[in-house]
Amino acid sequence: MLNSYVKRKIDMEKKSNNEMIELQADQARQLLLKKIFQQNRFASRDGLNEYDEDFSFFTDRGDLIPVEMREALARLENEKLEQNTNVAETDRNKQDQDGIEDS
């Protein structure tokens, strides 16, 4: 029994040592990559990257509305007009039926 306990304890220590070694290897790899990519030859830009420009501020373009947005707004407005027309026609039909029933 004592022998199995000692074996388990040793296995646990080996496992934790292996985990520590892996962690240290990952940290060393990250540090090495950081040092490599901080070199001047990796710092120069070729200008082909779409995100090289500074997009932190935008110039005001006034009341410019994209075509797609204008079309979407026009569609919504037409749908509202159709709904209002349908409601008005339904109301008129009800009034006409009420007028016929009263006679």
PDB file of N, CA and C in Angstrom:
ATOM      1  N   MET A   1       0.829  -1.195   0.000  1.00  0.00           N
ATOM      2  CA  MET A   1       0.000   0.000   0.000  1.00  0.00           C
ATOM      3  C   MET A   1       0.870   1.254   0.000  1.00  0.00           C
ATOM      4  N   LEU A   2       1.872   1.260   0.832  1.00  0.00           N
ATOM      5  CA  LEU A   2       2.784   2.399   0.893  1.00  0.00           C
ATOM      6  C   LEU A   2       3.524   2.543  -0.421  1.00  0.00           C
ATOM      7  N   ASN A   3       3.836   1.428  -1.031  1.00  0.00           N
ATOM      8  CA  ASN A   3       4.553   1.433  -2.297  1.00  0.00           C
ATOM      9  C   ASN A   3       3.702   2.065  -3.408  1.00  0.00           C
ATOM     10  N   SER A   4       2.406   1.766  -3.457  1.00  0.00           N
ATOM     11  CA  SER A   4       1.530   2.356  -4.477  1.00  0.00           C
ATOM     12  C   SER A   4       1.356   3.854  -4.231  1.00  0.00           C
ATOM     13  N   TYR A   5       1.314   4.248  -2.961  1.00  0.00           N
ATOM     14  CA  TYR A   5       1.202   5.677  -2.630  1.00  0.00           C
ATOM     15  C   TYR A   5       2.433   6.420  -3.120  1.00  0.00           C
ATOM     16  N   VAL A   6       3.590   5.855  -2.884  1.00  0.00           N
ATOM     17  CA  VAL A   6       4.841   6.478  -3.308  1.00  0.00           C
ATOM     18  C   VAL A   6       4.891   6.568  -4.833  1.00  0.00           C
ATOM     19  N   LYS A   7       4.445   5.509  -5.522  1.00  0.00           N
ATOM     20  CA  LYS A   7       4.432   5.516  -6.982  1.00  0.00           C
ATOM     21  C   LYS A   7       3.505   6.613  -7.512  1.00  0.00           C
ATOM     22  N   ARG A   8       2.300   6.715  -6.895  1.00  0.00           N
ATOM     23  CA  ARG A   8       1.362   7.766  -7.323  1.00  0.00           C
ATOM     24  C   ARG A   8       1.946   9.152  -7.085  1.00  0.00           C
ATOM     25  N   LYS A   9       2.594   9.325  -5.954  1.00  0.00           N
ATOM     26  CA  LYS A   9       3.197  10.618  -5.629  1.00  0.00           C
ATOM     27  C   LYS A   9       4.290  10.966  -6.633  1.00  0.00           C
ATOM     28  N   ILE A  10       5.099  10.001  -6.981  1.00  0.00           N
ATOM     29  CA  ILE A  10       6.173  10.229  -7.957  1.00  0.00           C
ATOM     30  C   ILE A  10       5.578  10.543  -9.328  1.00  0.00           C
ATOM     31  N   ASP A  11       4.526   9.798  -9.725  1.00  0.00           N
ATOM     32  CA  ASP A  11       3.861  10.054 -11.005  1.00  0.00           C
ATOM     33  C   ASP A  11       3.284  11.467 -11.055  1.00  0.00           C
ATOM     34  N   MET A  12       2.689  11.897  -9.943  1.00  0.00           N
ATOM     35  CA  MET A  12       2.115  13.248  -9.886  1.00  0.00           C
ATOM     36  C   MET A  12       3.210  14.302 -10.015  1.00  0.00           C
ATOM     37  N   GLU A  13       4.332  14.075  -9.367  1.00  0.00           N
ATOM     38  CA  GLU A  13       5.435  15.026  -9.457  1.00  0.00           C
ATOM     39  C   GLU A  13       5.994  15.069 -10.878  1.00  0.00           C
ATOM     40  N   LYS A  14       6.110  13.917 -11.535  1.00  0.00           N
ATOM     41  CA  LYS A  14       6.590  13.881 -12.919  1.00  0.00           C
ATOM     42  C   LYS A  14       5.623  14.641 -13.828  1.00  0.00           C
ATOM     43  N   LYS A  15       4.334  14.394 -13.589  1.00  0.00           N
ATOM     44  CA  LYS A  15       3.324  15.060 -14.410  1.00  0.00           C
ATOM     45  C   LYS A  15       3.397  16.569 -14.221  1.00  0.00           C
ATOM     46  N   SER A  16       3.496  17.032 -12.992  1.00  0.00           N
ATOM     47  CA  SER A  16       3.575  18.476 -12.754  1.00  0.00           C
ATOM     48  C   SER A  16       4.877  19.039 -13.305  1.00  0.00           C
ATOM     49  N   ASN A  17       5.976  18.278 -13.223  1.00  0.00           N
ATOM     50  CA  ASN A  17       7.243  18.726 -13.803  1.00  0.00           C
ATOM     51  C   ASN A  17       7.122  18.842 -15.319  1.00  0.00           C
ATOM     52  N   ASN A  18       6.467  17.860 -15.956  1.00  0.00           N
ATOM     53  CA  ASN A  18       6.270  17.915 -17.411  1.00  0.00           C
ATOM     54  C   ASN A  18       5.420  19.123 -17.795  1.00  0.00           C
ATOM     55  N   GLU A  19       4.372  19.395 -17.012  1.00  0.00           N
ATOM     56  CA  GLU A  19       3.528  20.561 -17.280  1.00  0.00           C
ATOM     57  C   GLU A  19       4.327  21.848 -17.139  1.00  0.00           C
ATOM     58  N   MET A  20       5.181  21.918 -16.137  1.00  0.00           N
ATOM     59  CA  MET A  20       6.018  23.108 -15.942  1.00  0.00           C
ATOM     60  C   MET A  20       6.987  23.271 -17.113  1.00  0.00           C
ATOM     61  N   ILE A  21       7.560  22.163 -17.568  1.00  0.00           N
ATOM     62  CA  ILE A  21       8.496  22.226 -18.692  1.00  0.00           C
ATOM     63  C   ILE A  21       7.764  22.702 -19.948  1.00  0.00           C
ATOM     64  N   GLU A  22       6.539  22.176 -20.184  1.00  0.00           N
ATOM     65  CA  GLU A  22       5.760  22.611 -21.342  1.00  0.00           C
ATOM     66  C   GLU A  22       5.415  24.093 -21.247  1.00  0.00           C
ATOM     67  N   LEU A  23       5.042  24.536 -20.056  1.00  0.00           N
ATOM     68  CA  LEU A  23       4.715  25.947 -19.850  1.00  0.00           C
ATOM     69  C   LEU A  23       5.937  26.819 -20.112  1.00  0.00           C
ATOM     70  N   GLN A  24       7.086  26.406 -19.601  1.00  0.00           N
ATOM     71  CA  GLN A  24       8.302  27.171 -19.826  1.00  0.00           C
ATOM     72  C   GLN A  24       8.670  27.179 -21.308  1.00  0.00           C
ATOM     73  N   ALA A  25       8.455  26.052 -22.004  1.00  0.00           N
ATOM     74  CA  ALA A  25       8.750  25.987 -23.442  1.00  0.00           C
ATOM     75  C   ALA A  25       7.834  26.934 -24.213  1.00  0.00           C
ATOM     76  N   ASP A  26       6.550  26.993 -23.842  1.00  0.00           N
ATOM     77  CA  ASP A  26       5.617  27.915 -24.496  1.00  0.00           C
ATOM     78  C   ASP A  26       6.024  29.368 -24.267  1.00  0.00           C
ATOM     79  N   GLN A  27       6.405  29.675 -23.039  1.00  0.00           N
ATOM     80  CA  GLN A  27       6.831  31.043 -22.725  1.00  0.00           C
ATOM     81  C   GLN A  27       8.101  31.401 -23.483  1.00  0.00           C
ATOM     82  N   ALA A  28       9.035  30.460 -23.564  1.00  0.00           N
ATOM     83  CA  ALA A  28      10.287  30.705 -24.292  1.00  0.00           C
ATOM     84  C   ALA A  28       9.988  30.913 -25.779  1.00  0.00           C
ATOM     85  N   ARG A  29       9.073  30.114 -26.336  1.00  0.00           N
ATOM     86  CA  ARG A  29       8.698  30.252 -27.745  1.00  0.00           C
ATOM     87  C   ARG A  29       8.073  31.623 -28.006  1.00  0.00           C
ATOM     88  N   GLN A  30       7.189  32.042 -27.120  1.00  0.00           N
ATOM     89  CA  GLN A  30       6.556  33.347 -27.289  1.00  0.00           C
ATOM     90  C   GLN A  30       7.574  34.473 -27.210  1.00  0.00           C
ATOM     91  N   LEU A  31       8.498  34.369 -26.264  1.00  0.00           N
ATOM     92  CA  LEU A  31       9.526  35.391 -26.117  1.00  0.00           C
ATOM     93  C   LEU A  31      10.428  35.437 -27.351  1.00  0.00           C
ATOM     94  N   LEU A  32      10.780  34.266 -27.863  1.00  0.00           N
ATOM     95  CA  LEU A  32      11.628  34.202 -29.049  1.00  0.00           C
ATOM     96  C   LEU A  32      10.921  34.815 -30.259  1.00  0.00           C
ATOM     97  N   LEU A  33       9.655  34.468 -30.470  1.00  0.00           N
ATOM     98  CA  LEU A  33       8.905  35.047 -31.591  1.00  0.00           C
ATOM     99  C   LEU A  33       8.767  36.557 -31.447  1.00  0.00           C
ATOM    100  N   LYS A  34       8.549  37.014 -30.231  1.00  0.00           N
ATOM    101  CA  LYS A  34       8.437  38.458 -29.992  1.00  0.00           C
ATOM    102  C   LYS A  34       9.733  39.155 -30.378  1.00  0.00           C
ATOM    103  N   LYS A  35      10.864  38.590 -29.962  1.00  0.00           N
ATOM    104  CA  LYS A  35      12.165  39.194 -30.292  1.00  0.00           C
ATOM    105  C   LYS A  35      12.409  39.180 -31.800  1.00  0.00           C
ATOM    106  N   ILE A  36      12.040  38.084 -32.443  1.00  0.00           N
ATOM    107  CA  ILE A  36      12.255  37.990 -33.892  1.00  0.00           C
ATOM    108  C   ILE A  36      11.450  39.049 -34.621  1.00  0.00           C
ATOM    109  N   PHE A  37      10.177  39.178 -34.294  1.00  0.00           N
ATOM    110  CA  PHE A  37       9.314  40.092 -35.036  1.00  0.00           C
ATOM    111  C   PHE A  37       9.482  41.553 -34.624  1.00  0.00           C
ATOM    112  N   GLN A  38      10.285  41.816 -33.615  1.00  0.00           N
ATOM    113  CA  GLN A  38      10.601  43.198 -33.272  1.00  0.00           C
ATOM    114  C   GLN A  38      11.821  43.707 -34.033  1.00  0.00           C
ATOM    115  N   GLN A  39      12.426  42.852 -34.815  1.00  0.00           N
ATOM    116  CA  GLN A  39      13.582  43.269 -35.603  1.00  0.00           C
ATOM    117  C   GLN A  39      13.132  44.235 -36.696  1.00  0.00           C
ATOM    118  N   ASN A  40      14.048  45.086 -37.132  1.00  0.00           N
ATOM    119  CA  ASN A  40      13.732  46.125 -38.110  1.00  0.00           C
ATOM    120  C   ASN A  40      13.233  45.560 -39.440  1.00  0.00           C
ATOM    121  N   ARG A  41      13.748  44.436 -39.863  1.00  0.00           N
ATOM    122  CA  ARG A  41      13.329  43.910 -41.163  1.00  0.00           C
ATOM    123  C   ARG A  41      11.864  43.483 -41.163  1.00  0.00           C
ATOM    124  N   PHE A  42      11.290  43.202 -39.996  1.00  0.00           N
ATOM    125  CA  PHE A  42       9.876  42.860 -39.913  1.00  0.00           C
ATOM    126  C   PHE A  42       9.010  44.076 -39.615  1.00  0.00           C
ATOM    127  N   ALA A  43       9.629  45.198 -39.257  1.00  0.00           N
ATOM    128  CA  ALA A  43       8.873  46.399 -38.892  1.00  0.00           C
ATOM    129  C   ALA A  43       8.492  47.237 -40.115  1.00  0.00           C
ATOM    130  N   SER A  44       9.189  47.061 -41.237  1.00  0.00           N
ATOM    131  CA  SER A  44       8.873  47.870 -42.419  1.00  0.00           C
ATOM    132  C   SER A  44       7.610  47.340 -43.089  1.00  0.00           C
ATOM    133  N   ARG A  45       6.795  48.259 -43.585  1.00  0.00           N
ATOM    134  CA  ARG A  45       5.539  47.890 -44.234  1.00  0.00           C
ATOM    135  C   ARG A  45       5.665  48.101 -45.734  1.00  0.00           C
ATOM    136  N   ASP A  46       5.009  47.249 -46.479  1.00  0.00           N
ATOM    137  CA  ASP A  46       5.083  47.347 -47.930  1.00  0.00           C
ATOM    138  C   ASP A  46       3.948  48.179 -48.513  1.00  0.00           C
ATOM    139  N   GLY A  47       2.973  48.567 -47.691  1.00  0.00           N
ATOM    140  CA  GLY A  47       1.872  49.391 -48.158  1.00  0.00           C
ATOM    141  C   GLY A  47       0.765  48.606 -48.835  1.00  0.00           C
ATOM    142  N   LEU A  48       0.887  47.303 -48.897  1.00  0.00           N
ATOM    143  CA  LEU A  48      -0.135  46.483 -49.542  1.00  0.00           C
ATOM    144  C   LEU A  48      -1.237  46.064 -48.582  1.00  0.00           C
ATOM    145  N   ASN A  49      -1.004  46.246 -47.304  1.00  0.00           N
ATOM    146  CA  ASN A  49      -2.002  45.871 -46.314  1.00  0.00           C
ATOM    147  C   ASN A  49      -3.144  46.885 -46.317  1.00  0.00           C
ATOM    148  N   GLU A  50      -4.369  46.408 -46.322  1.00  0.00           N
ATOM    149  CA  GLU A  50      -5.534  47.301 -46.362  1.00  0.00           C
ATOM    150  C   GLU A  50      -5.664  48.126 -45.090  1.00  0.00           C
ATOM    151  N   TYR A  51      -5.061  47.666 -44.007  1.00  0.00           N
ATOM    152  CA  TYR A  51      -5.251  48.321 -42.720  1.00  0.00           C
ATOM    153  C   TYR A  51      -4.043  49.163 -42.313  1.00  0.00           C
ATOM    154  N   ASP A  52      -3.192  49.523 -43.264  1.00  0.00           N
ATOM    155  CA  ASP A  52      -2.040  50.358 -42.951  1.00  0.00           C
ATOM    156  C   ASP A  52      -2.446  51.782 -42.591  1.00  0.00           C
ATOM    157  N   GLU A  53      -3.577  52.228 -43.127  1.00  0.00           N
ATOM    158  CA  GLU A  53      -4.011  53.602 -42.889  1.00  0.00           C
ATOM    159  C   GLU A  53      -4.582  53.755 -41.476  1.00  0.00           C
ATOM    160  N   ASP A  54      -4.669  54.993 -41.038  1.00  0.00           N
ATOM    161  CA  ASP A  54      -5.241  55.287 -39.727  1.00  0.00           C
ATOM    162  C   ASP A  54      -6.742  55.521 -39.891  1.00  0.00           C
ATOM    163  N   PHE A  55      -7.534  54.606 -39.359  1.00  0.00           N
ATOM    164  CA  PHE A  55      -8.986  54.710 -39.473  1.00  0.00           C
ATOM    165  C   PHE A  55      -9.616  55.134 -38.150  1.00  0.00           C
ATOM    166  N   SER A  56      -8.876  55.833 -37.320  1.00  0.00           N
ATOM    167  CA  SER A  56      -9.411  56.225 -36.013  1.00  0.00           C
ATOM    168  C   SER A  56     -10.293  57.461 -36.091  1.00  0.00           C
ATOM    169  N   PHE A  57     -10.266  58.174 -37.214  1.00  0.00           N
ATOM    170  CA  PHE A  57     -11.162  59.326 -37.363  1.00  0.00           C
ATOM    171  C   PHE A  57     -11.711  59.340 -38.788  1.00  0.00           C
ATOM    172  N   PHE A  58     -12.874  59.951 -38.940  1.00  0.00           N
ATOM    173  CA  PHE A  58     -13.522  59.992 -40.239  1.00  0.00           C
ATOM    174  C   PHE A  58     -13.858  61.429 -40.589  1.00  0.00           C
ATOM    175  N   THR A  59     -13.761  61.749 -41.852  1.00  0.00           N
ATOM    176  CA  THR A  59     -14.150  63.082 -42.288  1.00  0.00           C
ATOM    177  C   THR A  59     -15.650  63.086 -42.543  1.00  0.00           C
ATOM    178  N   ASP A  60     -16.292  64.160 -42.163  1.00  0.00           N
ATOM    179  CA  ASP A  60     -17.729  64.277 -42.324  1.00  0.00           C
ATOM    180  C   ASP A  60     -18.060  64.428 -43.804  1.00  0.00           C
ATOM    181  N   ARG A  61     -18.994  63.670 -44.278  1.00  0.00           N
ATOM    182  CA  ARG A  61     -19.385  63.713 -45.687  1.00  0.00           C
ATOM    183  C   ARG A  61     -20.756  64.368 -45.865  1.00  0.00           C
ATOM    184  N   GLY A  62     -21.212  65.076 -44.847  1.00  0.00           N
ATOM    185  CA  GLY A  62     -22.484  65.776 -44.954  1.00  0.00           C
ATOM    186  C   GLY A  62     -23.660  64.829 -44.869  1.00  0.00           C
ATOM    187  N   ASP A  63     -24.675  65.071 -45.686  1.00  0.00           N
ATOM    188  CA  ASP A  63     -25.895  64.268 -45.671  1.00  0.00           C
ATOM    189  C   ASP A  63     -25.854  63.170 -46.727  1.00  0.00           C
ATOM    190  N   LEU A  64     -24.697  62.631 -46.957  1.00  0.00           N
ATOM    191  CA  LEU A  64     -24.533  61.595 -47.959  1.00  0.00           C
ATOM    192  C   LEU A  64     -25.209  60.306 -47.480  1.00  0.00           C
ATOM    193  N   ILE A  65     -26.107  59.759 -48.311  1.00  0.00           N
ATOM    194  CA  ILE A  65     -26.807  58.515 -47.976  1.00  0.00           C
ATOM    195  C   ILE A  65     -26.485  57.505 -49.070  1.00  0.00           C
ATOM    196  N   PRO A  66     -26.012  56.324 -48.698  1.00  0.00           N
ATOM    197  CA  PRO A  66     -25.698  55.308 -49.704  1.00  0.00           C
ATOM    198  C   PRO A  66     -26.947  54.893 -50.486  1.00  0.00           C
ATOM    199  N   VAL A  67     -26.734  54.448 -51.716  1.00  0.00           N
ATOM    200  CA  VAL A  67     -27.833  54.065 -52.602  1.00  0.00           C
ATOM    201  C   VAL A  67     -28.669  52.954 -51.971  1.00  0.00           C
ATOM    202  N   GLU A  68     -28.011  51.960 -51.385  1.00  0.00           N
ATOM    203  CA  GLU A  68     -28.746  50.837 -50.798  1.00  0.00           C
ATOM    204  C   GLU A  68     -29.665  51.308 -49.686  1.00  0.00           C
ATOM    205  N   MET A  69     -29.177  52.264 -48.873  1.00  0.00           N
ATOM    206  CA  MET A  69     -29.991  52.768 -47.775  1.00  0.00           C
ATOM    207  C   MET A  69     -31.178  53.570 -48.322  1.00  0.00           C
ATOM    208  N   ARG A  70     -30.939  54.356 -49.365  1.00  0.00           N
ATOM    209  CA  ARG A  70     -32.045  55.119 -49.970  1.00  0.00           C
ATOM    210  C   ARG A  70     -33.118  54.176 -50.503  1.00  0.00           C
ATOM    211  N   GLU A  71     -32.664  53.109 -51.176  1.00  0.00           N
ATOM    212  CA  GLU A  71     -33.611  52.134 -51.716  1.00  0.00           C
ATOM    213  C   GLU A  71     -34.389  51.435 -50.602  1.00  0.00           C
ATOM    214  N   ALA A  72     -33.704  51.103 -49.512  1.00  0.00           N
ATOM    215  CA  ALA A  72     -34.374  50.445 -48.386  1.00  0.00           C
ATOM    216  C   ALA A  72     -35.401  51.384 -47.759  1.00  0.00           C
ATOM    217  N   LEU A  73     -35.045  52.656 -47.611  1.00  0.00           N
ATOM    218  CA  LEU A  73     -35.990  53.630 -47.051  1.00  0.00           C
ATOM    219  C   LEU A  73     -37.195  53.803 -47.959  1.00  0.00           C
ATOM    220  N   ALA A  74     -36.967  53.822 -49.259  1.00  0.00           N
ATOM    221  CA  ALA A  74     -38.080  53.952 -50.210  1.00  0.00           C
ATOM    222  C   ALA A  74     -38.990  52.730 -50.130  1.00  0.00           C
ATOM    223  N   ARG A  75     -38.394  51.524 -50.013  1.00  0.00           N
ATOM    224  CA  ARG A  75     -39.198  50.304 -49.868  1.00  0.00           C
ATOM    225  C   ARG A  75     -40.063  50.366 -48.617  1.00  0.00           C
ATOM    226  N   LEU A  76     -39.471  50.784 -47.503  1.00  0.00           N
ATOM    227  CA  LEU A  76     -40.225  50.885 -46.246  1.00  0.00           C
ATOM    228  C   LEU A  76     -41.374  51.885 -46.377  1.00  0.00           C
ATOM    229  N   GLU A  77     -41.095  52.999 -47.016  1.00  0.00           N
ATOM    230  CA  GLU A  77     -42.129  54.017 -47.192  1.00  0.00           C
ATOM    231  C   GLU A  77     -43.272  53.484 -48.055  1.00  0.00           C
ATOM    232  N   ASN A  78     -42.940  52.757 -49.128  1.00  0.00           N
ATOM    233  CA  ASN A  78     -43.969  52.161 -49.983  1.00  0.00           C
ATOM    234  C   ASN A  78     -44.798  51.127 -49.227  1.00  0.00           C
ATOM    235  N   GLU A  79     -44.129  50.331 -48.396  1.00  0.00           N
ATOM    236  CA  GLU A  79     -44.857  49.335 -47.603  1.00  0.00           C
ATOM    237  C   GLU A  79     -45.828  50.006 -46.639  1.00  0.00           C
ATOM    238  N   LYS A  80     -45.396  51.091 -46.007  1.00  0.00           N
ATOM    239  CA  LYS A  80     -46.273  51.821 -45.090  1.00  0.00           C
ATOM    240  C   LYS A  80     -47.467  52.408 -45.835  1.00  0.00           C
ATOM    241  N   LEU A  81     -47.216  52.969 -47.028  1.00  0.00           N
ATOM    242  CA  LEU A  81     -48.319  53.521 -47.828  1.00  0.00           C
ATOM    243  C   LEU A  81     -49.316  52.429 -48.205  1.00  0.00           C
ATOM    244  N   GLU A  82     -48.817  51.256 -48.587  1.00  0.00           N
ATOM    245  CA  GLU A  82     -49.703  50.154 -48.933  1.00  0.00           C
ATOM    246  C   GLU A  82     -50.526  49.706 -47.735  1.00  0.00           C
ATOM    247  N   GLN A  83     -49.896  49.643 -46.562  1.00  0.00           N
ATOM    248  CA  GLN A  83     -50.627  49.258 -45.353  1.00  0.00           C
ATOM    249  C   GLN A  83     -51.711  50.277 -45.037  1.00  0.00           C
ATOM    250  N   ASN A  84     -51.363  51.562 -45.128  1.00  0.00           N
ATOM    251  CA  ASN A  84     -52.344  52.614 -44.850  1.00  0.00           C
ATOM    252  C   ASN A  84     -53.493  52.558 -45.857  1.00  0.00           C
ATOM    253  N   THR A  85     -53.183  52.295 -47.111  1.00  0.00           N
ATOM    254  CA  THR A  85     -54.209  52.190 -48.146  1.00  0.00           C
ATOM    255  C   THR A  85     -55.131  51.004 -47.861  1.00  0.00           C
ATOM    256  N   ASN A  86     -54.530  49.875 -47.476  1.00  0.00           N
ATOM    257  CA  ASN A  86     -55.328  48.692 -47.159  1.00  0.00           C
ATOM    258  C   ASN A  86     -56.234  48.943 -45.960  1.00  0.00           C
ATOM    259  N   VAL A  87     -55.726  49.621 -44.951  1.00  0.00           N
ATOM    260  CA  VAL A  87     -56.531  49.936 -43.762  1.00  0.00           C
ATOM    261  C   VAL A  87     -57.672  50.869 -44.145  1.00  0.00           C
ATOM    262  N   ALA A  88     -57.381  51.864 -44.969  1.00  0.00           N
ATOM    263  CA  ALA A  88     -58.417  52.818 -45.377  1.00  0.00           C
ATOM    264  C   ALA A  88     -59.492  52.113 -46.191  1.00  0.00           C
ATOM    265  N   GLU A  89     -59.091  51.210 -47.091  1.00  0.00           N
ATOM    266  CA  GLU A  89     -60.069  50.478 -47.890  1.00  0.00           C
ATOM    267  C   GLU A  89     -60.930  49.580 -47.011  1.00  0.00           C
ATOM    268  N   THR A  90     -60.324  48.945 -46.039  1.00  0.00           N
ATOM    269  CA  THR A  90     -61.080  48.094 -45.120  1.00  0.00           C
ATOM    270  C   THR A  90     -62.090  48.920 -44.342  1.00  0.00           C
ATOM    271  N   ASP A  91     -61.675  50.101 -43.881  1.00  0.00           N
ATOM    272  CA  ASP A  91     -62.595  50.981 -43.154  1.00  0.00           C
ATOM    273  C   ASP A  91     -63.751  51.409 -44.048  1.00  0.00           C
ATOM    274  N   ARG A  92     -63.465  51.760 -45.297  1.00  0.00           N
ATOM    275  CA  ARG A  92     -64.524  52.174 -46.225  1.00  0.00           C
ATOM    276  C   ARG A  92     -65.493  51.034 -46.493  1.00  0.00           C
ATOM    277  N   ASN A  93     -64.960  49.830 -46.669  1.00  0.00           N
ATOM    278  CA  ASN A  93     -65.819  48.667 -46.911  1.00  0.00           C
ATOM    279  C   ASN A  93     -66.737  48.416 -45.720  1.00  0.00           C
ATOM    280  N   LYS A  94     -66.192  48.569 -44.512  1.00  0.00           N
ATOM    281  CA  LYS A  94     -67.015  48.383 -43.310  1.00  0.00           C
ATOM    282  C   LYS A  94     -68.106  49.444 -43.242  1.00  0.00           C
ATOM    283  N   GLN A  95     -67.727  50.678 -43.554  1.00  0.00           N
ATOM    284  CA  GLN A  95     -68.725  51.759 -43.523  1.00  0.00           C
ATOM    285  C   GLN A  95     -69.807  51.511 -44.567  1.00  0.00           C
ATOM    286  N   ASP A  96     -69.413  51.044 -45.747  1.00  0.00           N
ATOM    287  CA  ASP A  96     -70.391  50.752 -46.796  1.00  0.00           C
ATOM    288  C   ASP A  96     -71.330  49.632 -46.355  1.00  0.00           C
ATOM    289  N   GLN A  97     -70.766  48.595 -45.731  1.00  0.00           N
ATOM    290  CA  GLN A  97     -71.600  47.485 -45.264  1.00  0.00           C
ATOM    291  C   GLN A  97     -72.516  47.935 -44.150  1.00  0.00           C
ATOM    292  N   ASP A  98     -72.007  48.807 -43.254  1.00  0.00           N
ATOM    293  CA  ASP A  98     -72.852  49.332 -42.187  1.00  0.00           C
ATOM    294  C   ASP A  98     -73.994  50.158 -42.761  1.00  0.00           C
ATOM    295  N   GLY A  99     -73.709  50.916 -43.824  1.00  0.00           N
ATOM    296  CA  GLY A  99     -74.737  51.735 -44.476  1.00  0.00           C
ATOM    297  C   GLY A  99     -75.804  50.855 -45.132  1.00  0.00           C
ATOM    298  N   ILE A 100     -75.405  49.723 -45.696  1.00  0.00           N
ATOM    299  CA  ILE A 100     -76.349  48.824 -46.353  1.00  0.00           C
ATOM    300  C   ILE A 100     -77.224  48.135 -45.306  1.00  0.00           C
ATOM    301  N   GLU A 101     -76.627  47.743 -44.194  1.00  0.00           N
ATOM    302  CA  GLU A 101     -77.376  47.071 -43.134  1.00  0.00           C
ATOM    303  C   GLU A 101     -78.397  48.007 -42.498  1.00  0.00           C
ATOM    304  N   ASP A 102     -78.071  49.303 -42.386  1.00  0.00           N
ATOM    305  CA  ASP A 102     -78.968  50.268 -41.784  1.00  0.00           C
ATOM    306  C   ASP A 102     -80.212  50.501 -42.650  1.00  0.00           C
ATOM    307  N   SER A 103     -80.110  50.333 -43.941  1.00  0.00           N
ATOM    308  CA  SER A 103     -81.240  50.635 -44.854  1.00  0.00           C
ATOM    309  C   SER A 103     -82.336  49.646 -44.773  1.00  0.00           C
TER     310      SER A 103
END
